[in-house]
mmCIF file of all heavy atoms, coordinates in Angstrom:
data_MODEL
# 
_entry.id   MODEL 
# 
loop_
_atom_site.group_PDB 
_atom_site.id 
_atom_site.type_symbol 
_atom_site.label_atom_id 
_atom_site.label_alt_id 
_atom_site.label_comp_id 
_atom_site.label_asym_id 
_atom_site.label_entity_id 
_atom_site.label_seq_id 
_atom_site.pdbx_PDB_ins_code 
_atom_site.Cartn_x 
_atom_site.Cartn_y 
_atom_site.Cartn_z 
_atom_site.occupancy 
_atom_site.B_iso_or_equiv 
_atom_site.pdbx_formal_charge 
_atom_site.auth_seq_id 
_atom_site.auth_comp_id 
_atom_site.auth_asym_id 
_atom_site.auth_atom_id 
_atom_site.pdbx_PDB_model_num 
ATOM 1   N N   . LEU A 1 1  ? -11.961 -1.053  29.905 1.00 0.00 ? 1  LEU A N   1 
ATOM 2   C CA  . LEU A 1 1  ? -10.966 -2.129  29.844 1.00 0.00 ? 1  LEU A CA  1 
ATOM 3   C C   . LEU A 1 1  ? -11.620 -3.507  29.887 1.00 0.00 ? 1  LEU A C   1 
ATOM 4   O O   . LEU A 1 1  ? -11.215 -4.421  29.168 1.00 0.00 ? 1  LEU A O   1 
ATOM 5   C CB  . LEU A 1 1  ? -9.966  -1.984  30.994 1.00 0.00 ? 1  LEU A CB  1 
ATOM 6   C CG  . LEU A 1 1  ? -8.858  -0.943  30.814 1.00 0.00 ? 1  LEU A CG  1 
ATOM 7   C CD1 . LEU A 1 1  ? -8.136  -0.706  32.134 1.00 0.00 ? 1  LEU A CD1 1 
ATOM 8   C CD2 . LEU A 1 1  ? -7.876  -1.382  29.737 1.00 0.00 ? 1  LEU A CD2 1 
ATOM 9   N N   . ILE A 1 2  ? -12.644 -3.663  30.729 1.00 0.00 ? 2  ILE A N   1 
ATOM 10  C CA  . ILE A 1 2  ? -13.341 -4.954  30.806 1.00 0.00 ? 2  ILE A CA  1 
ATOM 11  C C   . ILE A 1 2  ? -14.012 -5.266  29.463 1.00 0.00 ? 2  ILE A C   1 
ATOM 12  O O   . ILE A 1 2  ? -13.868 -6.359  28.913 1.00 0.00 ? 2  ILE A O   1 
ATOM 13  C CB  . ILE A 1 2  ? -14.373 -4.955  31.943 1.00 0.00 ? 2  ILE A CB  1 
ATOM 14  C CG1 . ILE A 1 2  ? -13.668 -4.965  33.305 1.00 0.00 ? 2  ILE A CG1 1 
ATOM 15  C CG2 . ILE A 1 2  ? -15.303 -6.163  31.833 1.00 0.00 ? 2  ILE A CG2 1 
ATOM 16  C CD1 . ILE A 1 2  ? -14.597 -4.775  34.496 1.00 0.00 ? 2  ILE A CD1 1 
ATOM 17  N N   . THR A 1 3  ? -14.736 -4.282  28.930 1.00 0.00 ? 3  THR A N   1 
ATOM 18  C CA  . THR A 1 3  ? -15.498 -4.521  27.702 1.00 0.00 ? 3  THR A CA  1 
ATOM 19  C C   . THR A 1 3  ? -14.589 -4.774  26.508 1.00 0.00 ? 3  THR A C   1 
ATOM 20  O O   . THR A 1 3  ? -14.771 -5.739  25.753 1.00 0.00 ? 3  THR A O   1 
ATOM 21  C CB  . THR A 1 3  ? -16.421 -3.318  27.410 1.00 0.00 ? 3  THR A CB  1 
ATOM 22  O OG1 . THR A 1 3  ? -17.202 -3.036  28.570 1.00 0.00 ? 3  THR A OG1 1 
ATOM 23  C CG2 . THR A 1 3  ? -17.348 -3.621  26.244 1.00 0.00 ? 3  THR A CG2 1 
ATOM 24  N N   . ARG A 1 4  ? -13.597 -3.912  26.317 1.00 0.00 ? 4  ARG A N   1 
ATOM 25  C CA  . ARG A 1 4  ? -12.674 -4.112  25.193 1.00 0.00 ? 4  ARG A CA  1 
ATOM 26  C C   . ARG A 1 4  ? -11.797 -5.344  25.435 1.00 0.00 ? 4  ARG A C   1 
ATOM 27  O O   . ARG A 1 4  ? -11.385 -6.023  24.498 1.00 0.00 ? 4  ARG A O   1 
ATOM 28  C CB  . ARG A 1 4  ? -11.804 -2.881  24.974 1.00 0.00 ? 4  ARG A CB  1 
ATOM 29  C CG  . ARG A 1 4  ? -12.555 -1.626  24.554 1.00 0.00 ? 4  ARG A CG  1 
ATOM 30  C CD  . ARG A 1 4  ? -13.491 -1.844  23.382 1.00 0.00 ? 4  ARG A CD  1 
ATOM 31  N NE  . ARG A 1 4  ? -12.821 -2.392  22.212 1.00 0.00 ? 4  ARG A NE  1 
ATOM 32  C CZ  . ARG A 1 4  ? -13.440 -2.811  21.120 1.00 0.00 ? 4  ARG A CZ  1 
ATOM 33  N NH1 . ARG A 1 4  ? -14.761 -2.772  21.052 1.00 0.00 ? 4  ARG A NH1 1 
ATOM 34  N NH2 . ARG A 1 4  ? -12.754 -3.295  20.095 1.00 0.00 ? 4  ARG A NH2 1 
ATOM 35  N N   . GLY A 1 5  ? -11.544 -5.650  26.706 1.00 0.00 ? 5  GLY A N   1 
ATOM 36  C CA  . GLY A 1 5  ? -10.771 -6.851  27.026 1.00 0.00 ? 5  GLY A CA  1 
ATOM 37  C C   . GLY A 1 5  ? -11.499 -8.113  26.630 1.00 0.00 ? 5  GLY A C   1 
ATOM 38  O O   . GLY A 1 5  ? -10.889 -9.089  26.173 1.00 0.00 ? 5  GLY A O   1 
ATOM 39  N N   . ILE A 1 6  ? -12.835 -8.117  26.788 1.00 0.00 ? 6  ILE A N   1 
ATOM 40  C CA  . ILE A 1 6  ? -13.628 -9.279  26.380 1.00 0.00 ? 6  ILE A CA  1 
ATOM 41  C C   . ILE A 1 6  ? -13.498 -9.495  24.875 1.00 0.00 ? 6  ILE A C   1 
ATOM 42  O O   . ILE A 1 6  ? -13.338 -10.620 24.403 1.00 0.00 ? 6  ILE A O   1 
ATOM 43  C CB  . ILE A 1 6  ? -15.098 -9.094  26.796 1.00 0.00 ? 6  ILE A CB  1 
ATOM 44  C CG1 . ILE A 1 6  ? -15.228 -9.167  28.322 1.00 0.00 ? 6  ILE A CG1 1 
ATOM 45  C CG2 . ILE A 1 6  ? -15.992 -10.152 26.138 1.00 0.00 ? 6  ILE A CG2 1 
ATOM 46  C CD1 . ILE A 1 6  ? -16.553 -8.674  28.854 1.00 0.00 ? 6  ILE A CD1 1 
ATOM 47  N N   . HIS A 1 7  ? -13.558 -8.399  24.109 1.00 0.00 ? 7  HIS A N   1 
ATOM 48  C CA  . HIS A 1 7  ? -13.351 -8.506  22.659 1.00 0.00 ? 7  HIS A CA  1 
ATOM 49  C C   . HIS A 1 7  ? -11.982 -9.125  22.363 1.00 0.00 ? 7  HIS A C   1 
ATOM 50  O O   . HIS A 1 7  ? -11.852 -9.990  21.492 1.00 0.00 ? 7  HIS A O   1 
ATOM 51  C CB  . HIS A 1 7  ? -13.415 -7.113  22.016 1.00 0.00 ? 7  HIS A CB  1 
ATOM 52  C CG  . HIS A 1 7  ? -14.798 -6.579  21.846 1.00 0.00 ? 7  HIS A CG  1 
ATOM 53  N ND1 . HIS A 1 7  ? -15.643 -6.966  20.833 1.00 0.00 ? 7  HIS A ND1 1 
ATOM 54  C CD2 . HIS A 1 7  ? -15.500 -5.674  22.580 1.00 0.00 ? 7  HIS A CD2 1 
ATOM 55  C CE1 . HIS A 1 7  ? -16.790 -6.319  20.929 1.00 0.00 ? 7  HIS A CE1 1 
ATOM 56  N NE2 . HIS A 1 7  ? -16.728 -5.539  21.992 1.00 0.00 ? 7  HIS A NE2 1 
ATOM 57  N N   . GLU A 1 8  ? -10.981 -8.664  23.086 1.00 0.00 ? 8  GLU A N   1 
ATOM 58  C CA  . GLU A 1 8  ? -9.606  -9.133  22.871 1.00 0.00 ? 8  GLU A CA  1 
ATOM 59  C C   . GLU A 1 8  ? -9.486  -10.618 23.216 1.00 0.00 ? 8  GLU A C   1 
ATOM 60  O O   . GLU A 1 8  ? -8.872  -11.400 22.485 1.00 0.00 ? 8  GLU A O   1 
ATOM 61  C CB  . GLU A 1 8  ? -8.659  -8.293  23.728 1.00 0.00 ? 8  GLU A CB  1 
ATOM 62  C CG  . GLU A 1 8  ? -7.208  -8.457  23.397 1.00 0.00 ? 8  GLU A CG  1 
ATOM 63  C CD  . GLU A 1 8  ? -6.364  -7.303  23.942 1.00 0.00 ? 8  GLU A CD  1 
ATOM 64  O OE1 . GLU A 1 8  ? -6.724  -6.124  23.719 1.00 0.00 ? 8  GLU A OE1 1 
ATOM 65  O OE2 . GLU A 1 8  ? -5.352  -7.588  24.590 1.00 0.00 ? 8  GLU A OE2 1 
ATOM 66  N N   . MET A 1 9  ? -10.068 -11.009 24.329 1.00 0.00 ? 9  MET A N   1 
ATOM 67  C CA  . MET A 1 9  ? -10.041 -12.404 24.761 1.00 0.00 ? 9  MET A CA  1 
ATOM 68  C C   . MET A 1 9  ? -10.729 -13.302 23.742 1.00 0.00 ? 9  MET A C   1 
ATOM 69  O O   . MET A 1 9  ? -10.224 -14.374 23.376 1.00 0.00 ? 9  MET A O   1 
ATOM 70  C CB  . MET A 1 9  ? -10.737 -12.520 26.127 1.00 0.00 ? 9  MET A CB  1 
ATOM 71  C CG  . MET A 1 9  ? -10.601 -13.884 26.789 1.00 0.00 ? 9  MET A CG  1 
ATOM 72  S SD  . MET A 1 9  ? -11.722 -14.069 28.215 1.00 0.00 ? 9  MET A SD  1 
ATOM 73  C CE  . MET A 1 9  ? -11.338 -12.642 29.192 1.00 0.00 ? 9  MET A CE  1 
ATOM 74  N N   . GLU A 1 10 ? -11.894 -12.856 23.266 1.00 0.00 ? 10 GLU A N   1 
ATOM 75  C CA  . GLU A 1 10 ? -12.656 -13.658 22.310 1.00 0.00 ? 10 GLU A CA  1 
ATOM 76  C C   . GLU A 1 10 ? -11.916 -13.777 20.980 1.00 0.00 ? 10 GLU A C   1 
ATOM 77  O O   . GLU A 1 10 ? -11.853 -14.854 20.382 1.00 0.00 ? 10 GLU A O   1 
ATOM 78  C CB  . GLU A 1 10 ? -14.033 -13.018 22.093 1.00 0.00 ? 10 GLU A CB  1 
ATOM 79  C CG  . GLU A 1 10 ? -14.965 -13.846 21.237 1.00 0.00 ? 10 GLU A CG  1 
ATOM 80  C CD  . GLU A 1 10 ? -16.352 -13.234 21.148 1.00 0.00 ? 10 GLU A CD  1 
ATOM 81  O OE1 . GLU A 1 10 ? -16.489 -12.009 21.343 1.00 0.00 ? 10 GLU A OE1 1 
ATOM 82  O OE2 . GLU A 1 10 ? -17.296 -13.989 20.865 1.00 0.00 ? 10 GLU A OE2 1 
ATOM 83  N N   . ARG A 1 11 ? -11.342 -12.670 20.517 1.00 0.00 ? 11 ARG A N   1 
ATOM 84  C CA  . ARG A 1 11 ? -10.594 -12.679 19.254 1.00 0.00 ? 11 ARG A CA  1 
ATOM 85  C C   . ARG A 1 11 ? -9.431  -13.652 19.317 1.00 0.00 ? 11 ARG A C   1 
ATOM 86  O O   . ARG A 1 11 ? -9.186  -14.435 18.397 1.00 0.00 ? 11 ARG A O   1 
ATOM 87  C CB  . ARG A 1 11 ? -10.082 -11.260 18.984 1.00 0.00 ? 11 ARG A CB  1 
ATOM 88  C CG  . ARG A 1 11 ? -9.483  -11.041 17.601 1.00 0.00 ? 11 ARG A CG  1 
ATOM 89  C CD  . ARG A 1 11 ? -8.926  -9.635  17.469 1.00 0.00 ? 11 ARG A CD  1 
ATOM 90  N NE  . ARG A 1 11 ? -9.904  -8.629  17.871 1.00 0.00 ? 11 ARG A NE  1 
ATOM 91  C CZ  . ARG A 1 11 ? -9.683  -7.697  18.788 1.00 0.00 ? 11 ARG A CZ  1 
ATOM 92  N NH1 . ARG A 1 11 ? -8.536  -7.636  19.426 1.00 0.00 ? 11 ARG A NH1 1 
ATOM 93  N NH2 . ARG A 1 11 ? -10.611 -6.825  19.075 1.00 0.00 ? 11 ARG A NH2 1 
ATOM 94  N N   . PHE A 1 12 ? -8.723  -13.643 20.422 1.00 0.00 ? 12 PHE A N   1 
ATOM 95  C CA  . PHE A 1 12 ? -7.563  -14.518 20.612 1.00 0.00 ? 12 PHE A CA  1 
ATOM 96  C C   . PHE A 1 12 ? -7.999  -15.981 20.657 1.00 0.00 ? 12 PHE A C   1 
ATOM 97  O O   . PHE A 1 12 ? -7.418  -16.843 19.976 1.00 0.00 ? 12 PHE A O   1 
ATOM 98  C CB  . PHE A 1 12 ? -6.859  -14.127 21.914 1.00 0.00 ? 12 PHE A CB  1 
ATOM 99  C CG  . PHE A 1 12 ? -5.608  -14.908 22.221 1.00 0.00 ? 12 PHE A CG  1 
ATOM 100 C CD1 . PHE A 1 12 ? -4.452  -14.689 21.507 1.00 0.00 ? 12 PHE A CD1 1 
ATOM 101 C CD2 . PHE A 1 12 ? -5.591  -15.836 23.252 1.00 0.00 ? 12 PHE A CD2 1 
ATOM 102 C CE1 . PHE A 1 12 ? -3.278  -15.386 21.794 1.00 0.00 ? 12 PHE A CE1 1 
ATOM 103 C CE2 . PHE A 1 12 ? -4.444  -16.544 23.549 1.00 0.00 ? 12 PHE A CE2 1 
ATOM 104 C CZ  . PHE A 1 12 ? -3.281  -16.320 22.820 1.00 0.00 ? 12 PHE A CZ  1 
ATOM 105 N N   . ALA A 1 13 ? -9.042  -16.261 21.436 1.00 0.00 ? 13 ALA A N   1 
ATOM 106 C CA  . ALA A 1 13 ? -9.490  -17.640 21.614 1.00 0.00 ? 13 ALA A CA  1 
ATOM 107 C C   . ALA A 1 13 ? -10.014 -18.238 20.309 1.00 0.00 ? 13 ALA A C   1 
ATOM 108 O O   . ALA A 1 13 ? -9.680  -19.381 19.952 1.00 0.00 ? 13 ALA A O   1 
ATOM 109 C CB  . ALA A 1 13 ? -10.560 -17.703 22.700 1.00 0.00 ? 13 ALA A CB  1 
ATOM 110 N N   . ILE A 1 14 ? -10.820 -17.485 19.587 1.00 0.00 ? 14 ILE A N   1 
ATOM 111 C CA  . ILE A 1 14 ? -11.373 -17.986 18.327 1.00 0.00 ? 14 ILE A CA  1 
ATOM 112 C C   . ILE A 1 14 ? -10.263 -18.249 17.316 1.00 0.00 ? 14 ILE A C   1 
ATOM 113 O O   . ILE A 1 14 ? -10.281 -19.268 16.602 1.00 0.00 ? 14 ILE A O   1 
ATOM 114 C CB  . ILE A 1 14 ? -12.420 -16.997 17.767 1.00 0.00 ? 14 ILE A CB  1 
ATOM 115 C CG1 . ILE A 1 14 ? -13.669 -17.007 18.651 1.00 0.00 ? 14 ILE A CG1 1 
ATOM 116 C CG2 . ILE A 1 14 ? -12.777 -17.342 16.328 1.00 0.00 ? 14 ILE A CG2 1 
ATOM 117 C CD1 . ILE A 1 14 ? -14.690 -15.945 18.299 1.00 0.00 ? 14 ILE A CD1 1 
ATOM 118 N N   . ALA A 1 15 ? -9.278  -17.355 17.266 1.00 0.00 ? 15 ALA A N   1 
ATOM 119 C CA  . ALA A 1 15 ? -8.167  -17.528 16.328 1.00 0.00 ? 15 ALA A CA  1 
ATOM 120 C C   . ALA A 1 15 ? -7.381  -18.808 16.604 1.00 0.00 ? 15 ALA A C   1 
ATOM 121 O O   . ALA A 1 15 ? -6.765  -19.370 15.686 1.00 0.00 ? 15 ALA A O   1 
ATOM 122 C CB  . ALA A 1 15 ? -7.230  -16.318 16.402 1.00 0.00 ? 15 ALA A CB  1 
ATOM 123 N N   . LEU A 1 16 ? -7.426  -19.288 17.855 1.00 0.00 ? 16 LEU A N   1 
ATOM 124 C CA  . LEU A 1 16 ? -6.690  -20.498 18.225 1.00 0.00 ? 16 LEU A CA  1 
ATOM 125 C C   . LEU A 1 16 ? -7.585  -21.734 18.296 1.00 0.00 ? 16 LEU A C   1 
ATOM 126 O O   . LEU A 1 16 ? -7.169  -22.772 18.799 1.00 0.00 ? 16 LEU A O   1 
ATOM 127 C CB  . LEU A 1 16 ? -5.964  -20.272 19.548 1.00 0.00 ? 16 LEU A CB  1 
ATOM 128 C CG  . LEU A 1 16 ? -4.853  -19.214 19.488 1.00 0.00 ? 16 LEU A CG  1 
ATOM 129 C CD1 . LEU A 1 16 ? -4.262  -18.973 20.866 1.00 0.00 ? 16 LEU A CD1 1 
ATOM 130 C CD2 . LEU A 1 16 ? -3.760  -19.610 18.511 1.00 0.00 ? 16 LEU A CD2 1 
ATOM 131 N N   . GLY A 1 17 ? -8.822  -21.602 17.816 1.00 0.00 ? 17 GLY A N   1 
ATOM 132 C CA  . GLY A 1 17 ? -9.671  -22.781 17.688 1.00 0.00 ? 17 GLY A CA  1 
ATOM 133 C C   . GLY A 1 17 ? -10.763 -22.945 18.719 1.00 0.00 ? 17 GLY A C   1 
ATOM 134 O O   . GLY A 1 17 ? -11.454 -23.970 18.731 1.00 0.00 ? 17 GLY A O   1 
ATOM 135 N N   . ALA A 1 18 ? -10.951 -21.966 19.589 1.00 0.00 ? 18 ALA A N   1 
ATOM 136 C CA  . ALA A 1 18 ? -11.978 -22.073 20.628 1.00 0.00 ? 18 ALA A CA  1 
ATOM 137 C C   . ALA A 1 18 ? -13.342 -21.638 20.099 1.00 0.00 ? 18 ALA A C   1 
ATOM 138 O O   . ALA A 1 18 ? -13.449 -20.971 19.066 1.00 0.00 ? 18 ALA A O   1 
ATOM 139 C CB  . ALA A 1 18 ? -11.590 -21.217 21.830 1.00 0.00 ? 18 ALA A CB  1 
ATOM 140 N N   . ASP A 1 19 ? -14.380 -21.994 20.821 1.00 0.00 ? 19 ASP A N   1 
ATOM 141 C CA  . ASP A 1 19 ? -15.744 -21.560 20.538 1.00 0.00 ? 19 ASP A CA  1 
ATOM 142 C C   . ASP A 1 19 ? -15.965 -20.224 21.245 1.00 0.00 ? 19 ASP A C   1 
ATOM 143 O O   . ASP A 1 19 ? -15.784 -20.116 22.465 1.00 0.00 ? 19 ASP A O   1 
ATOM 144 C CB  . ASP A 1 19 ? -16.729 -22.618 21.064 1.00 0.00 ? 19 ASP A CB  1 
ATOM 145 C CG  . ASP A 1 19 ? -18.181 -22.318 20.699 1.00 0.00 ? 19 ASP A CG  1 
ATOM 146 O OD1 . ASP A 1 19 ? -18.502 -21.149 20.426 1.00 0.00 ? 19 ASP A OD1 1 
ATOM 147 O OD2 . ASP A 1 19 ? -18.996 -23.256 20.719 1.00 0.00 ? 19 ASP A OD2 1 
ATOM 148 N N   . GLY A 1 20 ? -16.354 -19.207 20.479 1.00 0.00 ? 20 GLY A N   1 
ATOM 149 C CA  . GLY A 1 20 ? -16.547 -17.877 21.060 1.00 0.00 ? 20 GLY A CA  1 
ATOM 150 C C   . GLY A 1 20 ? -17.557 -17.858 22.190 1.00 0.00 ? 20 GLY A C   1 
ATOM 151 O O   . GLY A 1 20 ? -17.470 -17.032 23.110 1.00 0.00 ? 20 GLY A O   1 
ATOM 152 N N   . LYS A 1 21 ? -18.538 -18.777 22.175 1.00 0.00 ? 21 LYS A N   1 
ATOM 153 C CA  . LYS A 1 21 ? -19.538 -18.822 23.251 1.00 0.00 ? 21 LYS A CA  1 
ATOM 154 C C   . LYS A 1 21 ? -18.889 -19.096 24.601 1.00 0.00 ? 21 LYS A C   1 
ATOM 155 O O   . LYS A 1 21 ? -19.384 -18.649 25.642 1.00 0.00 ? 21 LYS A O   1 
ATOM 156 C CB  . LYS A 1 21 ? -20.581 -19.899 22.948 1.00 0.00 ? 21 LYS A CB  1 
ATOM 157 C CG  . LYS A 1 21 ? -21.537 -19.565 21.813 1.00 0.00 ? 21 LYS A CG  1 
ATOM 158 C CD  . LYS A 1 21 ? -22.655 -20.593 21.693 1.00 0.00 ? 21 LYS A CD  1 
ATOM 159 C CE  . LYS A 1 21 ? -22.121 -21.968 21.343 1.00 0.00 ? 21 LYS A CE  1 
ATOM 160 N NZ  . LYS A 1 21 ? -23.218 -22.953 21.099 1.00 0.00 ? 21 LYS A NZ  1 
ATOM 161 N N   . THR A 1 22 ? -17.818 -19.860 24.603 1.00 0.00 ? 22 THR A N   1 
ATOM 162 C CA  . THR A 1 22 ? -17.141 -20.189 25.866 1.00 0.00 ? 22 THR A CA  1 
ATOM 163 C C   . THR A 1 22 ? -16.628 -18.929 26.548 1.00 0.00 ? 22 THR A C   1 
ATOM 164 O O   . THR A 1 22 ? -16.690 -18.802 27.779 1.00 0.00 ? 22 THR A O   1 
ATOM 165 C CB  . THR A 1 22 ? -15.974 -21.160 25.602 1.00 0.00 ? 22 THR A CB  1 
ATOM 166 O OG1 . THR A 1 22 ? -16.485 -22.327 24.958 1.00 0.00 ? 22 THR A OG1 1 
ATOM 167 C CG2 . THR A 1 22 ? -15.283 -21.553 26.893 1.00 0.00 ? 22 THR A CG2 1 
ATOM 168 N N   . ILE A 1 23 ? -16.126 -17.988 25.758 1.00 0.00 ? 23 ILE A N   1 
ATOM 169 C CA  . ILE A 1 23 ? -15.594 -16.745 26.320 1.00 0.00 ? 23 ILE A CA  1 
ATOM 170 C C   . ILE A 1 23 ? -16.711 -15.907 26.925 1.00 0.00 ? 23 ILE A C   1 
ATOM 171 O O   . ILE A 1 23 ? -16.488 -15.132 27.850 1.00 0.00 ? 23 ILE A O   1 
ATOM 172 C CB  . ILE A 1 23 ? -14.834 -15.951 25.226 1.00 0.00 ? 23 ILE A CB  1 
ATOM 173 C CG1 . ILE A 1 23 ? -13.684 -16.802 24.669 1.00 0.00 ? 23 ILE A CG1 1 
ATOM 174 C CG2 . ILE A 1 23 ? -14.295 -14.635 25.779 1.00 0.00 ? 23 ILE A CG2 1 
ATOM 175 C CD1 . ILE A 1 23 ? -12.724 -17.336 25.719 1.00 0.00 ? 23 ILE A CD1 1 
ATOM 176 N N   . ASN A 1 24 ? -17.926 -16.075 26.443 1.00 0.00 ? 24 ASN A N   1 
ATOM 177 C CA  . ASN A 1 24 ? -19.058 -15.342 27.007 1.00 0.00 ? 24 ASN A CA  1 
ATOM 178 C C   . ASN A 1 24 ? -19.684 -16.053 28.200 1.00 0.00 ? 24 ASN A C   1 
ATOM 179 O O   . ASN A 1 24 ? -20.731 -15.639 28.700 1.00 0.00 ? 24 ASN A O   1 
ATOM 180 C CB  . ASN A 1 24 ? -20.126 -15.119 25.925 1.00 0.00 ? 24 ASN A CB  1 
ATOM 181 C CG  . ASN A 1 24 ? -19.649 -14.149 24.862 1.00 0.00 ? 24 ASN A CG  1 
ATOM 182 O OD1 . ASN A 1 24 ? -19.096 -13.111 25.175 1.00 0.00 ? 24 ASN A OD1 1 
ATOM 183 N ND2 . ASN A 1 24 ? -19.839 -14.496 23.600 1.00 0.00 ? 24 ASN A ND2 1 
ATOM 184 N N   . GLY A 1 25 ? -19.026 -17.113 28.676 1.00 0.00 ? 25 GLY A N   1 
ATOM 185 C CA  . GLY A 1 25 ? -19.534 -17.873 29.805 1.00 0.00 ? 25 GLY A CA  1 
ATOM 186 C C   . GLY A 1 25 ? -18.679 -17.742 31.051 1.00 0.00 ? 25 GLY A C   1 
ATOM 187 O O   . GLY A 1 25 ? -17.918 -16.780 31.224 1.00 0.00 ? 25 GLY A O   1 
ATOM 188 N N   . LEU A 1 26 ? -18.762 -18.736 31.906 1.00 0.00 ? 26 LEU A N   1 
ATOM 189 C CA  . LEU A 1 26 ? -18.102 -18.697 33.215 1.00 0.00 ? 26 LEU A CA  1 
ATOM 190 C C   . LEU A 1 26 ? -16.585 -18.618 33.113 1.00 0.00 ? 26 LEU A C   1 
ATOM 191 O O   . LEU A 1 26 ? -15.935 -17.921 33.904 1.00 0.00 ? 26 LEU A O   1 
ATOM 192 C CB  . LEU A 1 26 ? -18.498 -19.939 34.021 1.00 0.00 ? 26 LEU A CB  1 
ATOM 193 C CG  . LEU A 1 26 ? -19.966 -19.990 34.479 1.00 0.00 ? 26 LEU A CG  1 
ATOM 194 C CD1 . LEU A 1 26 ? -20.338 -21.404 34.903 1.00 0.00 ? 26 LEU A CD1 1 
ATOM 195 C CD2 . LEU A 1 26 ? -20.199 -19.001 35.614 1.00 0.00 ? 26 LEU A CD2 1 
ATOM 196 N N   . ALA A 1 27 ? -16.001 -19.337 32.141 1.00 0.00 ? 27 ALA A N   1 
ATOM 197 C CA  . ALA A 1 27 ? -14.540 -19.382 32.035 1.00 0.00 ? 27 ALA A CA  1 
ATOM 198 C C   . ALA A 1 27 ? -13.953 -18.131 31.401 1.00 0.00 ? 27 ALA A C   1 
ATOM 199 O O   . ALA A 1 27 ? -12.737 -17.918 31.469 1.00 0.00 ? 27 ALA A O   1 
ATOM 200 C CB  . ALA A 1 27 ? -14.118 -20.607 31.221 1.00 0.00 ? 27 ALA A CB  1 
# 
């Protein structure tokens, strides 16, 4: 769940204009 959740979080954030690197960081 954690690993696939990270994929899900990153996919959502990038689609809305975020930098994918941010999702791989502290936030």
